[in-house]
Amino acid sequence: MRRKILMLGVVTILAAGPALADPKDYRFEAVEAQVAVSPTAPLAVRLIHIPTNKPVPGAVIFQSRLEMPMGSMAPMPTTLTAQPADGKGVYPFVADVSMAGPWVLVLAAKVQGETGTVTGSVPLVAAKAEHVHSH
């Protein structure tokens, strides 16, 4: 009987397969932390695999929202439209950024080979067009 239990444990471990990376092994980061105040403000994020510090292409971002924190009131959401990804780990959006100040982009994505959901928030700062600098 003892031998059967031991064998069953080995089969269970083998059937589970190799361990997958944790969704916490990923982070979203802004390509540019500053965005322009504009009804069609472009913004983009990278999805980074933290252990390798490399961009992750091919993720599916299935939830995204851009909101401005409003102190003790509820955050002010705005219109956000996903654009086609570049295939190199950059995920662009167009947003209606109506006011200068801090904004937060909240994202949820599925990464190929991962069972969990990768989530994150990216702080951005909106400035009037003459104050935004590009690299």
Protein backbone atom coordinates (compact mmCIF):
# COMPACT_ATOMS: atom_id res chain seq x y z
CA MET A 1 0.00 0.00 0.00
CA ARG A 2 2.77 2.41 0.90
CA ARG A 3 4.45 1.86 -2.47
CA LYS A 4 1.21 2.67 -4.35
CA ILE A 5 0.85 5.97 -2.52
CA LEU A 6 4.44 6.93 -3.26
CA MET A 7 4.03 6.10 -6.96
CA LEU A 8 0.78 8.05 -7.14
CA GLY A 9 2.61 11.08 -5.75
CA VAL A 10 5.30 10.80 -8.43
CA VAL A 11 2.68 10.53 -11.19
CA THR A 12 0.86 13.59 -9.84
CA ILE A 13 4.06 15.65 -9.84
CA LEU A 14 4.96 14.57 -13.37
CA ALA A 15 1.44 15.23 -14.69
CA ALA A 16 1.59 18.81 -13.43
CA GLY A 17 4.30 19.55 -15.99
CA PRO A 18 7.03 22.16 -15.80
CA ALA A 19 6.44 25.24 -13.69
CA LEU A 20 5.53 28.35 -15.64
CA ALA A 21 6.79 31.82 -14.88
CA ASP A 22 4.72 33.93 -12.53
CA PRO A 23 2.67 36.87 -13.89
CA LYS A 24 4.57 38.97 -11.33
CA ASP A 25 7.67 38.38 -13.50
CA TYR A 26 6.32 41.07 -15.86
CA ARG A 27 5.82 44.82 -15.65
CA PHE A 28 4.41 47.51 -17.88
CA GLU A 29 6.45 50.69 -18.36
CA ALA A 30 5.82 53.90 -20.28
CA VAL A 31 7.75 54.39 -23.51
CA GLU A 32 7.49 58.14 -22.72
CA ALA A 33 6.35 59.19 -19.24
CA GLN A 34 5.03 62.53 -20.57
CA VAL A 35 2.04 62.82 -22.88
CA ALA A 36 0.50 65.86 -24.54
CA VAL A 37 -2.85 67.31 -23.54
CA SER A 38 -4.81 66.44 -26.68
CA PRO A 39 -8.03 64.70 -27.71
CA THR A 40 -5.79 62.31 -29.71
CA ALA A 41 -2.73 61.98 -27.47
CA PRO A 42 -0.46 59.10 -28.50
CA LEU A 43 0.98 57.03 -25.67
CA ALA A 44 2.67 53.64 -25.53
CA VAL A 45 3.82 51.06 -23.01
CA ARG A 46 6.28 48.21 -23.08
CA LEU A 47 5.65 44.88 -21.42
CA ILE A 48 8.92 43.77 -19.83
CA HIS A 49 9.90 40.27 -18.65
CA ILE A 50 11.64 41.24 -15.41
CA PRO A 51 14.14 38.32 -15.07
CA THR A 52 15.56 38.98 -18.56
CA ASN A 53 14.70 42.72 -18.72
CA LYS A 54 13.51 42.17 -22.32
CA PRO A 55 10.33 43.40 -24.04
CA VAL A 56 7.59 40.79 -24.52
CA PRO A 57 5.91 40.78 -27.95
CA GLY A 58 2.62 39.05 -28.68
CA ALA A 59 0.79 39.72 -25.42
CA VAL A 60 -2.94 40.33 -25.64
CA ILE A 61 -4.00 43.39 -23.68
CA PHE A 62 -7.64 42.71 -22.94
CA GLN A 63 -8.32 45.43 -20.42
CA SER A 64 -7.09 49.02 -20.44
CA ARG A 65 -8.24 52.26 -18.89
CA LEU A 66 -6.72 55.68 -18.48
CA GLU A 67 -7.80 57.78 -15.53
CA MET A 68 -6.77 60.91 -13.71
CA PRO A 69 -6.60 60.60 -9.91
CA MET A 70 -8.83 63.22 -8.30
CA GLY A 71 -7.73 63.20 -4.67
CA SER A 72 -10.63 62.20 -2.42
CA MET A 73 -13.05 61.83 -5.37
CA ALA A 74 -13.32 58.93 -7.80
CA PRO A 75 -10.71 59.00 -10.60
CA MET A 76 -11.75 60.69 -13.85
CA PRO A 77 -11.71 58.14 -16.70
CA THR A 78 -11.16 59.08 -20.32
CA THR A 79 -11.46 57.54 -23.77
CA LEU A 80 -8.61 55.17 -24.63
CA THR A 81 -8.21 53.26 -27.90
CA ALA A 82 -5.66 50.49 -28.42
CA GLN A 83 -3.59 50.65 -31.61
CA PRO A 84 -1.85 47.74 -33.38
CA ALA A 85 1.20 46.52 -31.46
CA ASP A 86 4.60 46.81 -33.15
CA GLY A 87 5.50 43.14 -32.62
CA LYS A 88 8.52 44.11 -30.51
CA GLY A 89 6.81 44.46 -27.12
CA VAL A 90 5.47 48.02 -27.53
CA TYR A 91 1.71 48.51 -27.15
CA PRO A 92 0.44 51.91 -28.38
CA PHE A 93 -2.81 53.74 -27.55
CA VAL A 94 -4.56 56.97 -28.45
CA ALA A 95 -6.27 58.78 -25.59
CA ASP A 96 -8.39 61.84 -24.95
CA VAL A 97 -6.13 63.58 -22.42
CA SER A 98 -8.14 66.65 -21.47
CA MET A 99 -6.14 68.07 -18.56
CA ALA A 100 -2.51 68.55 -17.59
CA GLY A 101 -1.35 66.60 -14.56
CA PRO A 102 -0.93 63.02 -13.41
CA TRP A 103 -2.71 60.14 -15.16
CA VAL A 104 -2.60 56.38 -14.61
CA LEU A 105 -2.88 53.74 -17.34
CA VAL A 106 -4.23 50.48 -15.85
CA LEU A 107 -3.69 47.31 -17.90
CA ALA A 108 -4.40 43.59 -17.87
CA ALA A 109 -2.85 41.20 -20.40
CA LYS A 110 -2.38 37.57 -21.27
CA VAL A 111 1.13 36.45 -22.18
CA GLN A 112 1.63 33.36 -24.34
CA GLY A 113 2.61 30.42 -22.15
CA GLU A 114 1.37 32.00 -18.92
CA THR A 115 -1.72 30.79 -17.12
CA GLY A 116 -2.19 33.92 -15.02
CA THR A 117 -3.08 37.46 -15.96
CA VAL A 118 -0.39 40.13 -16.04
CA THR A 119 -1.67 43.36 -14.51
CA GLY A 120 -0.08 46.71 -13.91
CA SER A 121 -0.47 50.44 -13.76
CA VAL A 122 1.72 52.97 -15.49
CA PRO A 123 1.98 56.55 -14.21
CA LEU A 124 1.99 59.26 -16.88
CA VAL A 125 2.14 63.05 -16.74
CA ALA A 126 0.18 65.15 -19.21
CA ALA A 127 1.52 68.55 -20.17
CA LYS A 128 0.45 71.20 -22.62
CA ALA A 129 1.98 70.49 -26.04
CA GLU A 130 4.76 73.09 -25.75
CA HIS A 131 6.01 71.40 -22.55
CA VAL A 132 6.16 67.85 -23.91
CA HIS A 133 9.57 66.79 -25.18
CA SER A 134 10.30 63.92 -27.54
CA HIS A 135 13.46 61.86 -27.81
